[in-house]
């Protein structure tokens, strides 16, 4: 319920806020709610990834990408994610999520989410997305990029992200 309320507030704010480039950055502000806490009294690590979902939605809404995806019957699904936690977020603490596209390869788009609070970094995550049609057809990120009106150049994907993706794929293919 907490995330649904946040999603509604985000949708309203996105409609009223300034547009952003589809590649980002897009900054989304939040505050730690009591329902976000774990037994140690700080934001639960799983909640971060739900917040990152909202950061991606904000980027897609404010850039117009969500509307373009829907017009083609496409949607994005998370296929892999990794995060690093540096500092805890305590109850009622304000924080910002800065979302940007790191780049893409033939199959996936990669986003970075950086959380800061009081000007200090707390958490960083990289999310791997795949685009699919309603029928489950895989949509290459290049086709999605073709929907963007920004004319932005394709960012060069950091080498470590490529290695992480390849290693994850190799691991999944051995264990499935």
N, C-alpha and C. Protein backbone atom coordinates (compact mmCIF):
# COMPACT_ATOMS: atom_id res chain seq x y z
N UNK A 1 0.82 -1.19 0.00
CA UNK A 1 0.00 0.00 0.00
C UNK A 1 0.87 1.26 0.00
N UNK A 2 1.95 1.22 0.75
CA UNK A 2 2.86 2.35 0.83
C UNK A 2 3.39 2.72 -0.56
N UNK A 3 3.79 1.71 -1.35
CA UNK A 3 4.33 1.98 -2.69
C UNK A 3 3.23 2.45 -3.63
N UNK A 4 2.02 1.95 -3.48
CA UNK A 4 0.92 2.42 -4.32
C UNK A 4 0.64 3.90 -4.09
N UNK A 5 0.65 4.31 -2.83
CA UNK A 5 0.46 5.72 -2.52
C UNK A 5 1.60 6.55 -3.10
N UNK A 6 2.81 6.07 -2.95
CA UNK A 6 3.96 6.78 -3.52
C UNK A 6 3.85 6.86 -5.05
N UNK A 7 3.37 5.78 -5.68
CA UNK A 7 3.21 5.78 -7.13
C UNK A 7 2.18 6.83 -7.57
N UNK A 8 1.08 6.94 -6.84
CA UNK A 8 0.06 7.95 -7.17
C UNK A 8 0.63 9.36 -7.02
N UNK A 9 1.32 9.61 -5.94
CA UNK A 9 1.93 10.93 -5.72
C UNK A 9 2.94 11.21 -6.82
N UNK A 10 3.74 10.21 -7.17
CA UNK A 10 4.74 10.36 -8.22
C UNK A 10 4.08 10.69 -9.56
N UNK A 11 3.00 10.00 -9.89
CA UNK A 11 2.31 10.25 -11.16
C UNK A 11 1.80 11.68 -11.24
N UNK A 12 1.25 12.17 -10.14
CA UNK A 12 0.75 13.55 -10.12
C UNK A 12 1.92 14.52 -10.25
N UNK A 13 2.97 14.32 -9.46
CA UNK A 13 4.14 15.21 -9.52
C UNK A 13 4.81 15.17 -10.89
N UNK A 14 4.89 13.99 -11.50
CA UNK A 14 5.52 13.87 -12.81
C UNK A 14 4.76 14.68 -13.85
N UNK A 15 3.43 14.67 -13.76
CA UNK A 15 2.62 15.45 -14.68
C UNK A 15 2.78 16.94 -14.50
N UNK A 16 3.10 17.36 -13.28
CA UNK A 16 3.26 18.78 -12.98
C UNK A 16 4.70 19.25 -13.11
N UNK A 17 5.63 18.31 -13.05
CA UNK A 17 7.05 18.67 -13.02
C UNK A 17 7.64 18.92 -14.38
N UNK A 18 8.90 19.27 -14.35
CA UNK A 18 9.64 19.52 -15.58
C UNK A 18 9.97 18.21 -16.27
N UNK A 19 10.03 18.26 -17.59
CA UNK A 19 10.45 17.10 -18.35
C UNK A 19 11.94 16.85 -18.16
N UNK A 20 12.37 15.66 -18.48
CA UNK A 20 13.78 15.30 -18.40
C UNK A 20 14.18 14.58 -19.68
N UNK A 21 15.46 14.54 -19.93
CA UNK A 21 15.99 13.79 -21.06
C UNK A 21 15.73 12.30 -20.80
N UNK A 22 15.37 11.52 -21.83
CA UNK A 22 15.11 10.09 -21.62
C UNK A 22 16.30 9.32 -21.07
N UNK A 23 17.51 9.84 -21.27
CA UNK A 23 18.69 9.17 -20.73
C UNK A 23 19.02 9.64 -19.32
N UNK A 24 18.27 10.64 -18.85
CA UNK A 24 18.48 11.17 -17.51
C UNK A 24 19.54 12.23 -17.50
N UNK A 25 19.90 12.67 -16.34
CA UNK A 25 19.42 12.19 -15.04
C UNK A 25 18.03 12.71 -14.69
N UNK A 26 17.39 11.95 -13.83
CA UNK A 26 16.08 12.31 -13.29
C UNK A 26 16.17 12.13 -11.77
N UNK A 27 15.93 13.21 -11.05
CA UNK A 27 16.00 13.15 -9.59
C UNK A 27 14.60 13.08 -9.01
N UNK A 28 14.38 12.09 -8.15
CA UNK A 28 13.09 11.86 -7.51
C UNK A 28 13.30 11.90 -6.00
N UNK A 29 12.51 12.72 -5.32
CA UNK A 29 12.68 12.91 -3.87
C UNK A 29 11.69 12.05 -3.08
N UNK A 30 12.18 11.54 -1.96
CA UNK A 30 11.39 10.68 -1.08
C UNK A 30 11.73 11.00 0.37
N UNK A 31 10.99 10.36 1.26
CA UNK A 31 11.27 10.40 2.69
C UNK A 31 11.04 8.99 3.22
N UNK A 32 11.90 8.54 4.14
CA UNK A 32 11.78 7.20 4.71
C UNK A 32 10.51 7.14 5.55
N UNK A 33 9.64 6.21 5.20
CA UNK A 33 8.38 6.01 5.92
C UNK A 33 8.56 4.91 6.97
N UNK A 34 7.75 4.92 8.01
CA UNK A 34 7.84 3.86 9.02
C UNK A 34 7.68 2.45 8.44
N UNK A 35 6.91 2.32 7.36
CA UNK A 35 6.72 1.01 6.74
C UNK A 35 7.93 0.57 5.92
N UNK A 36 8.93 1.44 5.76
CA UNK A 36 10.16 1.10 5.02
C UNK A 36 11.21 0.45 5.90
N UNK A 37 10.99 0.43 7.21
CA UNK A 37 12.04 0.05 8.16
C UNK A 37 12.14 -1.45 8.38
N UNK A 38 13.36 -1.89 8.67
CA UNK A 38 13.58 -3.26 9.09
C UNK A 38 13.70 -3.30 10.61
N UNK A 39 14.05 -4.45 11.16
CA UNK A 39 14.12 -4.59 12.62
C UNK A 39 15.23 -3.75 13.25
N UNK A 40 16.20 -3.31 12.45
CA UNK A 40 17.28 -2.48 12.97
C UNK A 40 16.95 -0.99 12.95
N UNK A 41 15.76 -0.66 12.45
CA UNK A 41 15.33 0.73 12.46
C UNK A 41 15.83 1.59 11.32
N UNK A 42 16.30 0.95 10.25
CA UNK A 42 16.67 1.73 9.05
C UNK A 42 16.00 1.12 7.83
N UNK A 43 16.08 1.83 6.71
CA UNK A 43 15.36 1.38 5.52
C UNK A 43 15.85 0.01 5.10
N UNK A 44 14.91 -0.88 4.88
CA UNK A 44 15.17 -2.26 4.49
C UNK A 44 15.78 -2.30 3.09
N UNK A 45 16.76 -3.18 2.90
CA UNK A 45 17.42 -3.25 1.59
C UNK A 45 16.45 -3.58 0.46
N UNK A 46 15.42 -4.35 0.69
CA UNK A 46 14.44 -4.66 -0.35
C UNK A 46 13.61 -3.45 -0.74
N UNK A 47 13.38 -2.56 0.20
CA UNK A 47 12.60 -1.36 -0.08
C UNK A 47 13.34 -0.47 -1.09
N UNK A 48 14.65 -0.44 -1.00
CA UNK A 48 15.42 0.36 -1.95
C UNK A 48 15.05 0.00 -3.39
N UNK A 49 14.96 -1.29 -3.66
CA UNK A 49 14.70 -1.72 -5.04
C UNK A 49 13.27 -1.38 -5.47
N UNK A 50 12.34 -1.34 -4.54
CA UNK A 50 10.99 -0.85 -4.86
C UNK A 50 11.02 0.65 -5.14
N UNK A 51 11.81 1.37 -4.38
CA UNK A 51 11.99 2.81 -4.62
C UNK A 51 12.64 3.03 -5.99
N UNK A 52 13.59 2.16 -6.35
CA UNK A 52 14.23 2.29 -7.66
C UNK A 52 13.22 2.08 -8.78
N UNK A 53 12.25 1.19 -8.58
CA UNK A 53 11.16 1.05 -9.56
C UNK A 53 10.48 2.39 -9.77
N UNK A 54 10.21 3.09 -8.69
CA UNK A 54 9.55 4.40 -8.79
C UNK A 54 10.45 5.42 -9.48
N UNK A 55 11.75 5.37 -9.23
CA UNK A 55 12.68 6.26 -9.92
C UNK A 55 12.67 6.03 -11.43
N UNK A 56 12.60 4.75 -11.84
CA UNK A 56 12.53 4.43 -13.29
C UNK A 56 11.22 4.91 -13.88
N UNK A 57 10.14 4.72 -13.14
CA UNK A 57 8.84 5.19 -13.63
C UNK A 57 8.85 6.70 -13.78
N UNK A 58 9.44 7.40 -12.82
CA UNK A 58 9.52 8.85 -12.90
C UNK A 58 10.30 9.27 -14.15
N UNK A 59 11.45 8.65 -14.39
CA UNK A 59 12.23 8.95 -15.59
C UNK A 59 11.41 8.71 -16.85
N UNK A 60 10.72 7.58 -16.91
CA UNK A 60 9.95 7.25 -18.11
C UNK A 60 8.74 8.17 -18.29
N UNK A 61 8.10 8.54 -17.20
CA UNK A 61 6.96 9.46 -17.28
C UNK A 61 7.40 10.85 -17.73
N UNK A 62 8.40 11.39 -17.04
CA UNK A 62 8.82 12.77 -17.29
C UNK A 62 9.52 12.96 -18.64
N UNK A 63 10.08 11.87 -19.18
CA UNK A 63 10.74 11.96 -20.48
C UNK A 63 9.80 11.65 -21.64
N UNK A 64 8.62 11.11 -21.35
CA UNK A 64 7.68 10.72 -22.40
C UNK A 64 7.92 9.30 -22.91
N UNK A 65 8.94 8.63 -22.39
CA UNK A 65 9.24 7.28 -22.86
C UNK A 65 8.12 6.30 -22.53
N UNK A 66 7.50 6.42 -21.38
CA UNK A 66 6.43 5.49 -21.01
C UNK A 66 5.28 5.55 -22.02
N UNK A 67 4.91 6.75 -22.40
CA UNK A 67 3.84 6.92 -23.39
C UNK A 67 4.24 6.29 -24.73
N UNK A 68 5.49 6.49 -25.14
CA UNK A 68 5.96 5.92 -26.41
C UNK A 68 5.99 4.39 -26.35
N UNK A 69 6.43 3.84 -25.23
CA UNK A 69 6.44 2.38 -25.08
C UNK A 69 5.03 1.82 -25.16
N UNK A 70 4.11 2.44 -24.44
CA UNK A 70 2.73 1.96 -24.42
C UNK A 70 2.08 2.04 -25.80
N UNK A 71 2.41 3.08 -26.56
CA UNK A 71 1.81 3.22 -27.89
C UNK A 71 2.23 2.08 -28.82
N UNK A 72 3.36 1.45 -28.53
CA UNK A 72 3.82 0.30 -29.31
C UNK A 72 3.47 -1.03 -28.64
N UNK A 73 2.88 -0.97 -27.47
CA UNK A 73 2.55 -2.19 -26.75
C UNK A 73 3.76 -2.86 -26.13
N UNK A 74 4.78 -2.06 -25.82
CA UNK A 74 6.00 -2.58 -25.22
C UNK A 74 6.06 -2.24 -23.74
N UNK A 75 6.82 -3.02 -23.01
CA UNK A 75 7.05 -2.73 -21.60
C UNK A 75 8.44 -3.23 -21.20
N UNK A 76 8.92 -2.72 -20.09
CA UNK A 76 10.25 -3.09 -19.60
C UNK A 76 10.11 -4.01 -18.39
N UNK A 77 10.99 -5.00 -18.33
CA UNK A 77 11.05 -5.88 -17.17
C UNK A 77 12.49 -5.91 -16.66
N UNK A 78 12.64 -5.99 -15.36
CA UNK A 78 13.97 -6.10 -14.75
C UNK A 78 14.44 -7.54 -14.90
N UNK A 79 15.66 -7.72 -15.41
CA UNK A 79 16.22 -9.06 -15.57
C UNK A 79 17.42 -9.31 -14.66
N UNK A 80 17.97 -8.24 -14.10
CA UNK A 80 19.12 -8.40 -13.20
C UNK A 80 19.31 -7.08 -12.45
N UNK A 81 19.84 -7.16 -11.26
CA UNK A 81 20.12 -5.95 -10.49
C UNK A 81 21.20 -6.23 -9.46
N UNK A 82 21.93 -5.17 -9.13
CA UNK A 82 22.95 -5.27 -8.09
C UNK A 82 22.99 -3.94 -7.35
N UNK A 83 23.31 -4.00 -6.08
CA UNK A 83 23.35 -2.78 -5.29
C UNK A 83 24.48 -2.77 -4.29
N UNK A 84 24.85 -1.56 -3.88
CA UNK A 84 25.89 -1.36 -2.88
C UNK A 84 25.35 -0.38 -1.84
N UNK A 85 25.42 -0.76 -0.57
CA UNK A 85 24.86 0.05 0.50
C UNK A 85 26.00 0.60 1.36
N UNK A 86 26.05 1.93 1.50
CA UNK A 86 27.14 2.57 2.24
C UNK A 86 26.70 3.09 3.60
N UNK A 87 25.54 3.76 3.62
CA UNK A 87 25.05 4.37 4.85
C UNK A 87 23.56 4.06 5.00
N UNK A 88 23.11 3.82 6.22
CA UNK A 88 21.68 3.55 6.41
C UNK A 88 20.85 4.83 6.35
N UNK A 89 19.60 4.66 6.00
CA UNK A 89 18.64 5.75 6.04
C UNK A 89 17.69 5.51 7.21
N UNK A 90 17.63 6.47 8.10
CA UNK A 90 16.82 6.37 9.31
C UNK A 90 15.40 6.87 9.06
N UNK A 91 14.48 6.61 9.99
CA UNK A 91 13.08 7.02 9.82
C UNK A 91 12.94 8.52 9.54
N UNK A 92 12.05 8.82 8.61
CA UNK A 92 11.65 10.18 8.23
C UNK A 92 12.76 10.98 7.54
N UNK A 93 13.87 10.34 7.26
CA UNK A 93 14.98 11.02 6.59
C UNK A 93 14.63 11.28 5.12
N UNK A 94 14.86 12.49 4.65
CA UNK A 94 14.66 12.83 3.25
C UNK A 94 15.83 12.26 2.44
N UNK A 95 15.53 11.79 1.23
CA UNK A 95 16.57 11.30 0.34
C UNK A 95 16.14 11.49 -1.10
N UNK A 96 17.11 11.48 -1.99
CA UNK A 96 16.85 11.65 -3.42
C UNK A 96 17.43 10.47 -4.18
N UNK A 97 16.72 10.05 -5.21
CA UNK A 97 17.19 9.00 -6.11
C UNK A 97 17.46 9.66 -7.47
N UNK A 98 18.69 9.55 -7.91
CA UNK A 98 19.08 10.09 -9.22
C UNK A 98 19.20 8.91 -10.17
N UNK A 99 18.36 8.90 -11.20
CA UNK A 99 18.29 7.79 -12.15
C UNK A 99 18.83 8.25 -13.50
N UNK A 100 19.69 7.42 -14.09
CA UNK A 100 20.19 7.73 -15.43
C UNK A 100 20.48 6.44 -16.18
N UNK A 101 20.44 6.54 -17.50
CA UNK A 101 20.78 5.42 -18.36
C UNK A 101 22.29 5.35 -18.47
N UNK A 102 22.85 4.17 -18.18
CA UNK A 102 24.29 3.96 -18.33
C UNK A 102 24.64 3.62 -19.77
N UNK A 103 23.73 2.91 -20.44
CA UNK A 103 23.97 2.49 -21.82
C UNK A 103 23.15 1.24 -22.11
N UNK A 104 23.42 0.62 -23.25
CA UNK A 104 22.72 -0.60 -23.61
C UNK A 104 23.58 -1.45 -24.52
N UNK A 105 23.20 -2.72 -24.59
CA UNK A 105 23.84 -3.65 -25.52
C UNK A 105 22.75 -4.16 -26.47
N UNK A 106 22.96 -5.29 -27.09
CA UNK A 106 22.00 -5.79 -28.07
C UNK A 106 20.67 -6.22 -27.44
N UNK A 107 20.70 -6.60 -26.17
CA UNK A 107 19.50 -7.13 -25.53
C UNK A 107 18.96 -6.29 -24.38
N UNK A 108 19.82 -5.57 -23.67
CA UNK A 108 19.43 -4.93 -22.42
C UNK A 108 19.78 -3.46 -22.36
N UNK A 109 19.01 -2.76 -21.54
CA UNK A 109 19.29 -1.37 -21.18
C UNK A 109 19.72 -1.39 -19.72
N UNK A 110 20.71 -0.56 -19.38
CA UNK A 110 21.24 -0.54 -18.02
C UNK A 110 21.04 0.85 -17.42
N UNK A 111 20.48 0.87 -16.23
CA UNK A 111 20.25 2.12 -15.51
C UNK A 111 21.03 2.12 -14.21
N UNK A 112 21.38 3.32 -13.80
CA UNK A 112 22.03 3.50 -12.50
C UNK A 112 21.09 4.32 -11.63
N UNK A 113 20.96 3.91 -10.38
CA UNK A 113 20.23 4.65 -9.36
C UNK A 113 21.22 5.01 -8.26
N UNK A 114 21.33 6.30 -7.95
CA UNK A 114 22.19 6.76 -6.86
C UNK A 114 21.32 7.45 -5.83
N UNK A 115 21.44 7.00 -4.60
CA UNK A 115 20.68 7.59 -3.49
C UNK A 115 21.62 8.49 -2.69
N UNK A 116 21.13 9.71 -2.41
CA UNK A 116 21.86 10.62 -1.54
C UNK A 116 20.90 11.14 -0.48
N UNK A 117 21.46 11.46 0.66
CA UNK A 117 20.69 12.06 1.74
C UNK A 117 21.60 13.05 2.45
N UNK A 118 21.14 14.27 2.58
CA UNK A 118 21.96 15.31 3.18
C UNK A 118 23.24 15.55 2.40
N UNK A 119 23.20 15.34 1.10
CA UNK A 119 24.38 15.53 0.26
C UNK A 119 25.36 14.37 0.27
N UNK A 120 25.10 13.35 1.06
CA UNK A 120 26.00 12.20 1.18
C UNK A 120 25.45 11.00 0.41
N UNK A 121 26.31 10.28 -0.32
CA UNK A 121 25.85 9.06 -1.00
C UNK A 121 25.53 7.97 0.01
N UNK A 122 24.44 7.25 -0.23
CA UNK A 122 24.08 6.15 0.67
C UNK A 122 24.03 4.81 -0.04
N UNK A 123 23.54 4.81 -1.28
CA UNK A 123 23.31 3.56 -1.98
C UNK A 123 23.45 3.79 -3.49
N UNK A 124 23.98 2.79 -4.18
CA UNK A 124 24.05 2.81 -5.64
C UNK A 124 23.59 1.46 -6.15
N UNK A 125 22.82 1.47 -7.24
CA UNK A 125 22.38 0.22 -7.84
C UNK A 125 22.44 0.33 -9.35
N UNK A 126 22.66 -0.81 -9.99
CA UNK A 126 22.58 -0.92 -11.44
C UNK A 126 21.49 -1.94 -11.75
N UNK A 127 20.62 -1.56 -12.67
CA UNK A 127 19.47 -2.37 -13.03
C UNK A 127 19.58 -2.71 -14.51
N UNK A 128 19.36 -3.97 -14.85
CA UNK A 128 19.35 -4.43 -16.23
C UNK A 128 17.90 -4.63 -16.65
N UNK A 129 17.49 -3.98 -17.75
CA UNK A 129 16.12 -4.10 -18.25
C UNK A 129 16.10 -4.76 -19.61
N UNK A 130 15.04 -5.48 -19.86
CA UNK A 130 14.75 -6.02 -21.19
C UNK A 130 13.38 -5.49 -21.59
N UNK A 131 13.23 -5.15 -22.84
CA UNK A 131 11.94 -4.67 -23.35
C UNK A 131 11.26 -5.82 -24.07
N UNK A 132 9.94 -5.93 -23.81
CA UNK A 132 9.14 -6.99 -24.41
C UNK A 132 7.87 -6.40 -25.02
N UNK A 133 7.35 -7.11 -26.03
CA UNK A 133 6.06 -6.74 -26.59
C UNK A 133 4.97 -7.47 -25.79
N UNK A 134 3.72 -7.16 -26.09
CA UNK A 134 2.61 -7.84 -25.40
C UNK A 134 2.66 -9.35 -25.61
N UNK A 135 3.18 -9.78 -26.76
CA UNK A 135 3.26 -11.21 -27.09
C UNK A 135 4.52 -11.87 -26.54
N UNK A 136 5.36 -11.08 -25.87
CA UNK A 136 6.59 -11.62 -25.30
C UNK A 136 7.79 -11.52 -26.22
N UNK A 137 7.65 -10.89 -27.37
CA UNK A 137 8.77 -10.69 -28.28
C UNK A 137 9.79 -9.76 -27.63
N UNK A 138 11.07 -10.11 -27.74
CA UNK A 138 12.13 -9.27 -27.20
C UNK A 138 12.35 -8.08 -28.14
N UNK A 139 12.36 -6.88 -27.56
CA UNK A 139 12.55 -5.65 -28.32
C UNK A 139 13.96 -5.14 -28.03
N UNK A 140 14.77 -4.99 -29.05
CA UNK A 140 16.14 -4.51 -28.88
C UNK A 140 16.13 -3.07 -28.37
N UNK A 141 17.02 -2.74 -27.45
CA UNK A 141 17.09 -1.37 -26.94
C UNK A 141 17.27 -0.32 -28.03
N UNK A 142 17.93 -0.69 -29.13
CA UNK A 142 18.09 0.26 -30.25
C UNK A 142 16.74 0.68 -30.80
N UNK A 143 15.79 -0.25 -30.85
CA UNK A 143 14.43 0.09 -31.32
C UNK A 143 13.76 1.04 -30.35
N UNK A 144 13.97 0.82 -29.06
CA UNK A 144 13.41 1.72 -28.04
C UNK A 144 14.06 3.09 -28.18
N UNK A 145 15.36 3.12 -28.36
CA UNK A 145 16.07 4.39 -28.52
C UNK A 145 15.55 5.16 -29.72
N UNK A 146 15.10 4.44 -30.74
CA UNK A 146 14.53 5.08 -31.92
C UNK A 146 13.25 5.85 -31.62
N UNK A 147 12.60 5.54 -30.50
CA UNK A 147 11.38 6.25 -30.11
C UNK A 147 11.68 7.59 -29.45
N UNK A 148 12.92 7.78 -29.04
CA UNK A 148 13.29 8.98 -28.29
C UNK A 148 13.47 10.16 -29.22
N UNK A 149 12.90 11.26 -28.83
CA UNK A 149 13.00 12.46 -29.65
C UNK A 149 14.19 13.34 -29.26
N UNK A 150 14.92 12.95 -28.25
CA UNK A 150 15.99 13.81 -27.74
C UNK A 150 17.19 13.87 -28.67
N UNK A 151 17.37 12.85 -29.50
CA UNK A 151 18.54 12.82 -30.36
C UNK A 151 19.82 12.62 -29.59
N UNK A 152 19.73 12.17 -28.35
CA UNK A 152 20.92 11.97 -27.51
C UNK A 152 21.75 10.83 -28.08
N UNK A 153 23.05 10.98 -27.94
CA UNK A 153 23.95 9.93 -28.39
C UNK A 153 23.95 8.78 -27.39
N UNK A 154 24.16 7.59 -27.92
CA UNK A 154 24.21 6.39 -27.09
C UNK A 154 25.40 6.47 -26.16
N UNK A 155 25.14 6.39 -24.84
CA UNK A 155 26.27 6.40 -23.90
C UNK A 155 27.08 5.11 -24.02
N UNK A 156 28.37 5.23 -23.81
CA UNK A 156 29.21 4.04 -23.83
C UNK A 156 29.02 3.27 -22.52
N UNK A 157 28.63 2.03 -22.66
CA UNK A 157 28.37 1.20 -21.49
C UNK A 157 29.68 0.92 -20.77
N UNK A 158 29.73 1.19 -19.45
CA UNK A 158 30.98 0.89 -18.71
C UNK A 158 31.35 -0.58 -18.84
N UNK A 159 32.63 -0.83 -18.98
CA UNK A 159 33.10 -2.19 -19.18
C UNK A 159 32.71 -3.12 -18.04
N UNK A 160 32.75 -2.60 -16.81
CA UNK A 160 32.43 -3.46 -15.67
C UNK A 160 30.97 -3.90 -15.73
N UNK A 161 30.08 -3.08 -16.28
CA UNK A 161 28.67 -3.45 -16.40
C UNK A 161 28.52 -4.57 -17.43
N UNK A 162 29.25 -4.48 -18.53
CA UNK A 162 29.23 -5.56 -19.54
C UNK A 162 29.73 -6.87 -18.94
N UNK A 163 30.82 -6.80 -18.19
CA UNK A 163 31.36 -8.02 -17.56
C UNK A 163 30.37 -8.59 -16.55
N UNK A 164 29.75 -7.73 -15.75
CA UNK A 164 28.75 -8.16 -14.76
C UNK A 164 27.59 -8.86 -15.46
N UNK A 165 27.11 -8.28 -16.55
CA UNK A 165 25.99 -8.86 -17.28
C UNK A 165 26.36 -10.22 -17.87
N UNK A 166 27.54 -10.30 -18.49
CA UNK A 166 28.00 -11.57 -19.06
C UNK A 166 28.16 -12.63 -17.99
N UNK A 167 28.76 -12.27 -16.87
CA UNK A 167 28.96 -13.24 -15.78
C UNK A 167 27.61 -13.70 -15.22
N UNK A 168 26.67 -12.80 -15.11
CA UNK A 168 25.34 -13.17 -14.61
C UNK A 168 24.64 -14.11 -15.57
N UNK A 169 24.77 -13.83 -16.88
CA UNK A 169 24.14 -14.68 -17.89
C UNK A 169 24.76 -16.08 -17.86
N UNK A 170 26.09 -16.14 -17.78
CA UNK A 170 26.77 -17.44 -17.73
C UNK A 170 26.33 -18.23 -16.50
N UNK A 171 26.21 -17.54 -15.36
CA UNK A 171 25.77 -18.20 -14.13
C UNK A 171 24.35 -18.73 -14.28
N UNK A 172 23.44 -17.91 -14.83
CA UNK A 172 22.05 -18.34 -15.00
C UNK A 172 21.95 -19.51 -15.94
N UNK A 173 22.72 -19.53 -17.02
CA UNK A 173 22.62 -20.61 -17.98
C UNK A 173 23.15 -21.93 -17.40
N UNK A 174 24.06 -21.86 -16.42
CA UNK A 174 24.58 -23.08 -15.79
C UNK A 174 23.63 -23.60 -14.72
N UNK A 175 22.83 -22.71 -14.11
CA UNK A 175 21.99 -23.15 -12.98
C UNK A 175 20.55 -23.42 -13.36
N UNK A 176 20.16 -23.06 -14.56
CA UNK A 176 18.75 -23.26 -14.96
C UNK A 176 18.60 -24.53 -15.72
